[in-house]
């Protein structure tokens, strides 16, 4: 039997978070609630959360997949015929204090 290393154990624990995040964000009511909570008031009227639909897309690269999970949804924009918004929720699996500032990590992920 192969010997478990600390890095193997850490990688397994990080991937165990994926079902939790993906399961929660596969529920339209959860996504609607977070949109209402997270979007600034001036953006709330734009998407139509009653018409949310999940997408199989991911924006997480293979390099970042051991540490990140995302869920992507789409919904039409109100008052804009045939225009849709893609909404991506990005989750980072933190098991230890980061070596860099979190802000620098977020910028790296967005780029």
N, C-alpha and C. Protein backbone atom coordinates (compact mmCIF):
# COMPACT_ATOMS: atom_id res chain seq x y z
N UNK A 1 0.84 -1.17 0.00
CA UNK A 1 0.00 0.00 0.00
C UNK A 1 0.89 1.24 0.00
N UNK A 2 0.52 2.26 -0.78
CA UNK A 2 1.30 3.48 -0.87
C UNK A 2 1.21 4.28 0.42
N UNK A 3 2.34 4.83 0.79
CA UNK A 3 2.41 5.63 2.00
C UNK A 3 1.82 7.02 1.73
N UNK A 4 0.95 7.50 2.64
CA UNK A 4 0.36 8.82 2.50
C UNK A 4 1.37 9.88 2.92
N UNK A 5 1.49 10.91 2.13
CA UNK A 5 2.35 12.02 2.50
C UNK A 5 1.48 13.16 2.98
N UNK A 6 2.11 14.14 3.62
CA UNK A 6 1.36 15.30 4.10
C UNK A 6 0.71 16.03 2.95
N UNK A 7 1.41 16.15 1.81
CA UNK A 7 0.83 16.88 0.67
C UNK A 7 -0.33 16.11 0.06
N UNK A 8 -0.27 14.77 0.04
CA UNK A 8 -1.37 13.96 -0.47
C UNK A 8 -2.59 14.14 0.42
N UNK A 9 -2.36 14.11 1.72
CA UNK A 9 -3.45 14.28 2.68
C UNK A 9 -4.10 15.66 2.53
N UNK A 10 -3.27 16.70 2.38
CA UNK A 10 -3.79 18.06 2.22
C UNK A 10 -4.59 18.17 0.93
N UNK A 11 -4.09 17.60 -0.15
CA UNK A 11 -4.79 17.66 -1.43
C UNK A 11 -6.14 16.96 -1.32
N UNK A 12 -6.19 15.79 -0.65
CA UNK A 12 -7.44 15.08 -0.49
C UNK A 12 -8.43 15.91 0.32
N UNK A 13 -7.98 16.55 1.40
CA UNK A 13 -8.87 17.37 2.22
C UNK A 13 -9.42 18.54 1.42
N UNK A 14 -8.58 19.14 0.58
CA UNK A 14 -9.05 20.27 -0.22
C UNK A 14 -10.14 19.83 -1.19
N UNK A 15 -9.96 18.68 -1.83
CA UNK A 15 -10.96 18.20 -2.78
C UNK A 15 -12.26 17.79 -2.08
N UNK A 16 -12.20 17.48 -0.80
CA UNK A 16 -13.41 17.13 -0.07
C UNK A 16 -14.35 18.32 0.08
N UNK A 17 -13.83 19.53 -0.07
CA UNK A 17 -14.67 20.72 0.01
C UNK A 17 -15.52 20.89 -1.25
N UNK A 18 -15.05 20.41 -2.38
CA UNK A 18 -15.76 20.60 -3.64
C UNK A 18 -17.23 20.18 -3.59
N UNK A 19 -17.55 18.98 -3.11
CA UNK A 19 -18.97 18.60 -3.09
C UNK A 19 -19.84 19.53 -2.24
N UNK A 20 -19.29 20.05 -1.17
CA UNK A 20 -20.05 20.98 -0.33
C UNK A 20 -20.37 22.25 -1.11
N UNK A 21 -19.36 22.87 -1.69
CA UNK A 21 -19.57 24.11 -2.45
C UNK A 21 -20.46 23.88 -3.66
N UNK A 22 -20.13 22.86 -4.43
CA UNK A 22 -20.90 22.60 -5.64
C UNK A 22 -22.34 22.20 -5.32
N UNK A 23 -22.52 21.44 -4.25
CA UNK A 23 -23.87 21.04 -3.85
C UNK A 23 -24.71 22.23 -3.43
N UNK A 24 -24.13 23.11 -2.61
CA UNK A 24 -24.86 24.29 -2.16
C UNK A 24 -25.18 25.22 -3.32
N UNK A 25 -24.21 25.42 -4.21
CA UNK A 25 -24.42 26.36 -5.31
C UNK A 25 -25.04 25.72 -6.53
N UNK A 26 -25.56 24.51 -6.38
CA UNK A 26 -26.38 23.88 -7.42
C UNK A 26 -27.85 24.16 -7.16
N UNK A 27 -28.14 24.83 -6.06
CA UNK A 27 -29.52 25.13 -5.65
C UNK A 27 -29.83 26.58 -6.01
N UNK A 28 -30.78 26.77 -6.89
CA UNK A 28 -31.11 28.12 -7.38
C UNK A 28 -31.48 29.07 -6.25
N UNK A 29 -32.18 28.59 -5.23
CA UNK A 29 -32.58 29.46 -4.11
C UNK A 29 -31.35 29.99 -3.36
N UNK A 30 -30.32 29.17 -3.24
CA UNK A 30 -29.08 29.61 -2.58
C UNK A 30 -28.41 30.70 -3.41
N UNK A 31 -28.36 30.48 -4.72
CA UNK A 31 -27.74 31.46 -5.61
C UNK A 31 -28.53 32.77 -5.58
N UNK A 32 -29.86 32.69 -5.64
CA UNK A 32 -30.69 33.91 -5.56
C UNK A 32 -30.43 34.66 -4.26
N UNK A 33 -30.40 33.95 -3.16
CA UNK A 33 -30.17 34.59 -1.86
C UNK A 33 -28.81 35.28 -1.83
N UNK A 34 -27.80 34.64 -2.38
CA UNK A 34 -26.48 35.28 -2.38
C UNK A 34 -26.41 36.46 -3.33
N UNK A 35 -27.09 36.39 -4.44
CA UNK A 35 -27.13 37.55 -5.34
C UNK A 35 -27.77 38.74 -4.63
N UNK A 36 -28.86 38.49 -3.94
CA UNK A 36 -29.54 39.58 -3.21
C UNK A 36 -28.68 40.14 -2.09
N UNK A 37 -27.84 39.30 -1.53
CA UNK A 37 -26.98 39.72 -0.42
C UNK A 37 -25.69 40.37 -0.92
N UNK A 38 -25.12 39.85 -1.99
CA UNK A 38 -23.79 40.27 -2.42
C UNK A 38 -23.77 41.42 -3.41
N UNK A 39 -24.79 41.51 -4.26
CA UNK A 39 -24.78 42.58 -5.26
C UNK A 39 -25.07 43.92 -4.62
N UNK A 40 -24.34 44.94 -5.01
CA UNK A 40 -24.66 46.28 -4.50
C UNK A 40 -26.05 46.71 -4.99
N UNK A 41 -26.72 47.56 -4.22
CA UNK A 41 -28.10 47.94 -4.57
C UNK A 41 -28.29 48.45 -5.99
N UNK A 42 -27.29 49.17 -6.52
CA UNK A 42 -27.47 49.72 -7.87
C UNK A 42 -27.39 48.62 -8.96
N UNK A 43 -26.91 47.43 -8.62
CA UNK A 43 -26.86 46.34 -9.60
C UNK A 43 -28.00 45.33 -9.44
N UNK A 44 -28.69 45.36 -8.31
CA UNK A 44 -29.76 44.39 -8.06
C UNK A 44 -30.83 44.35 -9.15
N UNK A 45 -31.23 45.47 -9.73
CA UNK A 45 -32.27 45.39 -10.76
C UNK A 45 -31.81 44.79 -12.09
N UNK A 46 -30.50 44.60 -12.27
CA UNK A 46 -30.02 44.16 -13.58
C UNK A 46 -30.31 42.70 -13.91
N UNK A 47 -29.80 41.73 -13.16
CA UNK A 47 -30.12 40.35 -13.54
C UNK A 47 -31.51 39.96 -13.10
N UNK A 48 -32.08 38.99 -13.78
CA UNK A 48 -33.39 38.47 -13.40
C UNK A 48 -33.18 37.12 -12.73
N UNK A 49 -33.02 37.09 -11.40
CA UNK A 49 -32.68 35.84 -10.71
C UNK A 49 -33.78 34.79 -10.74
N UNK A 50 -34.99 35.17 -11.16
CA UNK A 50 -36.06 34.17 -11.27
C UNK A 50 -35.83 33.23 -12.45
N UNK A 51 -34.95 33.62 -13.36
CA UNK A 51 -34.68 32.81 -14.55
C UNK A 51 -33.25 32.27 -14.56
N UNK A 52 -32.70 32.02 -13.40
CA UNK A 52 -31.35 31.46 -13.30
C UNK A 52 -31.28 30.06 -13.89
N UNK A 53 -30.18 29.77 -14.55
CA UNK A 53 -29.95 28.40 -15.00
C UNK A 53 -28.46 28.09 -14.84
N UNK A 54 -28.14 26.89 -14.33
CA UNK A 54 -26.74 26.54 -14.11
C UNK A 54 -26.04 26.23 -15.42
N UNK A 55 -24.75 26.49 -15.46
CA UNK A 55 -23.92 26.17 -16.63
C UNK A 55 -22.86 25.16 -16.21
N UNK A 56 -22.44 24.29 -17.12
CA UNK A 56 -21.39 23.32 -16.78
C UNK A 56 -19.99 23.93 -16.83
N UNK A 57 -19.90 25.23 -17.10
CA UNK A 57 -18.61 25.90 -17.27
C UNK A 57 -17.81 25.93 -15.97
N UNK A 58 -16.52 26.13 -16.13
CA UNK A 58 -15.64 26.41 -15.01
C UNK A 58 -14.60 27.40 -15.50
N UNK A 59 -14.18 28.28 -14.63
CA UNK A 59 -13.13 29.25 -14.97
C UNK A 59 -11.86 28.94 -14.21
N UNK A 60 -11.83 27.83 -13.51
CA UNK A 60 -10.68 27.45 -12.72
C UNK A 60 -9.75 26.61 -13.59
N UNK A 61 -8.49 27.03 -13.68
CA UNK A 61 -7.52 26.31 -14.49
C UNK A 61 -7.12 25.00 -13.80
N UNK A 62 -6.53 24.11 -14.55
CA UNK A 62 -6.06 22.84 -13.98
C UNK A 62 -5.06 23.10 -12.86
N UNK A 63 -4.25 24.13 -13.01
CA UNK A 63 -3.23 24.46 -12.00
C UNK A 63 -3.88 24.85 -10.68
N UNK A 64 -5.01 25.55 -10.73
CA UNK A 64 -5.66 26.04 -9.51
C UNK A 64 -6.75 25.12 -8.98
N UNK A 65 -7.14 24.12 -9.75
CA UNK A 65 -8.26 23.25 -9.35
C UNK A 65 -8.08 22.56 -7.99
N UNK A 66 -6.86 22.18 -7.58
CA UNK A 66 -6.72 21.57 -6.24
C UNK A 66 -7.09 22.53 -5.10
N UNK A 67 -7.06 23.82 -5.35
CA UNK A 67 -7.32 24.77 -4.28
C UNK A 67 -8.60 25.58 -4.47
N UNK A 68 -9.22 25.50 -5.65
CA UNK A 68 -10.38 26.34 -5.95
C UNK A 68 -11.52 25.53 -6.54
N UNK A 69 -12.72 26.02 -6.32
CA UNK A 69 -13.91 25.47 -6.96
C UNK A 69 -14.76 26.65 -7.42
N UNK A 70 -15.52 26.46 -8.47
CA UNK A 70 -16.42 27.53 -8.89
C UNK A 70 -17.75 26.94 -9.35
N UNK A 71 -18.75 27.78 -9.35
CA UNK A 71 -20.07 27.43 -9.86
C UNK A 71 -20.49 28.58 -10.77
N UNK A 72 -20.96 28.24 -11.96
CA UNK A 72 -21.31 29.26 -12.95
C UNK A 72 -22.80 29.15 -13.28
N UNK A 73 -23.47 30.27 -13.25
CA UNK A 73 -24.89 30.36 -13.58
C UNK A 73 -25.07 31.44 -14.63
N UNK A 74 -26.22 31.42 -15.29
CA UNK A 74 -26.57 32.50 -16.21
C UNK A 74 -28.01 32.92 -15.95
N UNK A 75 -28.29 34.15 -16.26
CA UNK A 75 -29.67 34.64 -16.20
C UNK A 75 -29.77 35.84 -17.14
N UNK A 76 -30.98 36.07 -17.65
CA UNK A 76 -31.15 37.21 -18.55
C UNK A 76 -31.04 38.51 -17.78
N UNK A 77 -30.60 39.54 -18.49
CA UNK A 77 -30.59 40.88 -17.91
C UNK A 77 -31.96 41.50 -18.13
N UNK A 78 -32.47 42.13 -17.11
CA UNK A 78 -33.76 42.82 -17.26
C UNK A 78 -33.56 44.04 -18.15
N UNK A 79 -34.57 44.39 -18.86
CA UNK A 79 -34.57 45.60 -19.70
C UNK A 79 -33.51 45.54 -20.79
N UNK A 80 -33.02 44.33 -21.12
CA UNK A 80 -32.04 44.20 -22.21
C UNK A 80 -32.40 42.93 -22.97
N UNK A 81 -33.02 43.11 -24.09
CA UNK A 81 -33.50 41.97 -24.87
C UNK A 81 -32.34 41.11 -25.36
N UNK A 82 -32.42 39.82 -25.14
CA UNK A 82 -31.45 38.82 -25.61
C UNK A 82 -30.04 39.01 -25.03
N UNK A 83 -29.92 39.62 -23.86
CA UNK A 83 -28.62 39.75 -23.22
C UNK A 83 -28.64 38.98 -21.90
N UNK A 84 -27.58 38.19 -21.70
CA UNK A 84 -27.49 37.33 -20.53
C UNK A 84 -26.26 37.68 -19.72
N UNK A 85 -26.35 37.44 -18.44
CA UNK A 85 -25.20 37.62 -17.56
C UNK A 85 -24.73 36.25 -17.10
N UNK A 86 -23.42 36.05 -17.07
CA UNK A 86 -22.86 34.86 -16.47
C UNK A 86 -22.37 35.26 -15.09
N UNK A 87 -22.73 34.46 -14.11
CA UNK A 87 -22.38 34.75 -12.72
C UNK A 87 -21.54 33.59 -12.22
N UNK A 88 -20.35 33.89 -11.75
CA UNK A 88 -19.46 32.84 -11.28
C UNK A 88 -19.16 33.06 -9.80
N UNK A 89 -19.33 32.01 -9.02
CA UNK A 89 -18.97 32.02 -7.60
C UNK A 89 -17.66 31.24 -7.49
N UNK A 90 -16.65 31.86 -6.91
CA UNK A 90 -15.34 31.23 -6.77
C UNK A 90 -15.07 30.96 -5.30
N UNK A 91 -14.68 29.73 -4.99
CA UNK A 91 -14.42 29.32 -3.62
C UNK A 91 -12.99 28.84 -3.51
N UNK A 92 -12.30 29.34 -2.51
CA UNK A 92 -10.94 28.89 -2.26
C UNK A 92 -10.93 28.00 -1.04
N UNK A 93 -10.21 26.89 -1.15
CA UNK A 93 -10.06 25.96 -0.04
C UNK A 93 -8.83 26.36 0.75
N UNK A 94 -9.02 26.92 1.92
CA UNK A 94 -7.90 27.33 2.76
C UNK A 94 -7.73 26.31 3.87
N UNK A 95 -6.58 25.67 3.91
CA UNK A 95 -6.27 24.74 4.98
C UNK A 95 -5.13 25.26 5.84
N UNK A 96 -4.49 26.31 5.39
CA UNK A 96 -3.37 26.90 6.13
C UNK A 96 -3.30 28.38 5.83
N UNK A 97 -2.60 29.10 6.66
CA UNK A 97 -2.41 30.54 6.45
C UNK A 97 -1.63 30.75 5.15
N UNK A 98 -2.09 31.66 4.30
CA UNK A 98 -1.42 31.88 3.01
C UNK A 98 -0.04 32.51 3.20
N UNK A 99 0.86 32.17 2.29
CA UNK A 99 2.21 32.74 2.33
C UNK A 99 2.20 34.18 1.81
N UNK A 100 1.19 34.51 0.98
CA UNK A 100 1.09 35.85 0.42
C UNK A 100 -0.17 36.52 0.94
N UNK A 101 -0.27 37.81 0.66
CA UNK A 101 -1.49 38.53 1.02
C UNK A 101 -2.66 37.98 0.22
N UNK A 102 -3.82 37.88 0.85
CA UNK A 102 -5.01 37.37 0.17
C UNK A 102 -5.38 38.22 -1.03
N UNK A 103 -5.18 39.52 -0.93
CA UNK A 103 -5.52 40.41 -2.04
C UNK A 103 -4.70 40.07 -3.28
N UNK A 104 -3.41 39.76 -3.09
CA UNK A 104 -2.56 39.38 -4.22
C UNK A 104 -3.05 38.08 -4.83
N UNK A 105 -3.49 37.14 -3.99
CA UNK A 105 -4.01 35.88 -4.52
C UNK A 105 -5.27 36.12 -5.34
N UNK A 106 -6.17 36.97 -4.85
CA UNK A 106 -7.40 37.25 -5.59
C UNK A 106 -7.12 37.86 -6.95
N UNK A 107 -6.18 38.78 -7.01
CA UNK A 107 -5.79 39.40 -8.29
C UNK A 107 -5.26 38.34 -9.23
N UNK A 108 -4.42 37.42 -8.71
CA UNK A 108 -3.87 36.33 -9.53
C UNK A 108 -5.00 35.48 -10.09
N UNK A 109 -6.01 35.14 -9.29
CA UNK A 109 -7.12 34.31 -9.74
C UNK A 109 -7.91 35.04 -10.83
N UNK A 110 -8.15 36.32 -10.65
CA UNK A 110 -8.95 37.07 -11.63
C UNK A 110 -8.22 37.19 -12.96
N UNK A 111 -6.91 37.32 -12.90
CA UNK A 111 -6.14 37.44 -14.14
C UNK A 111 -6.13 36.12 -14.88
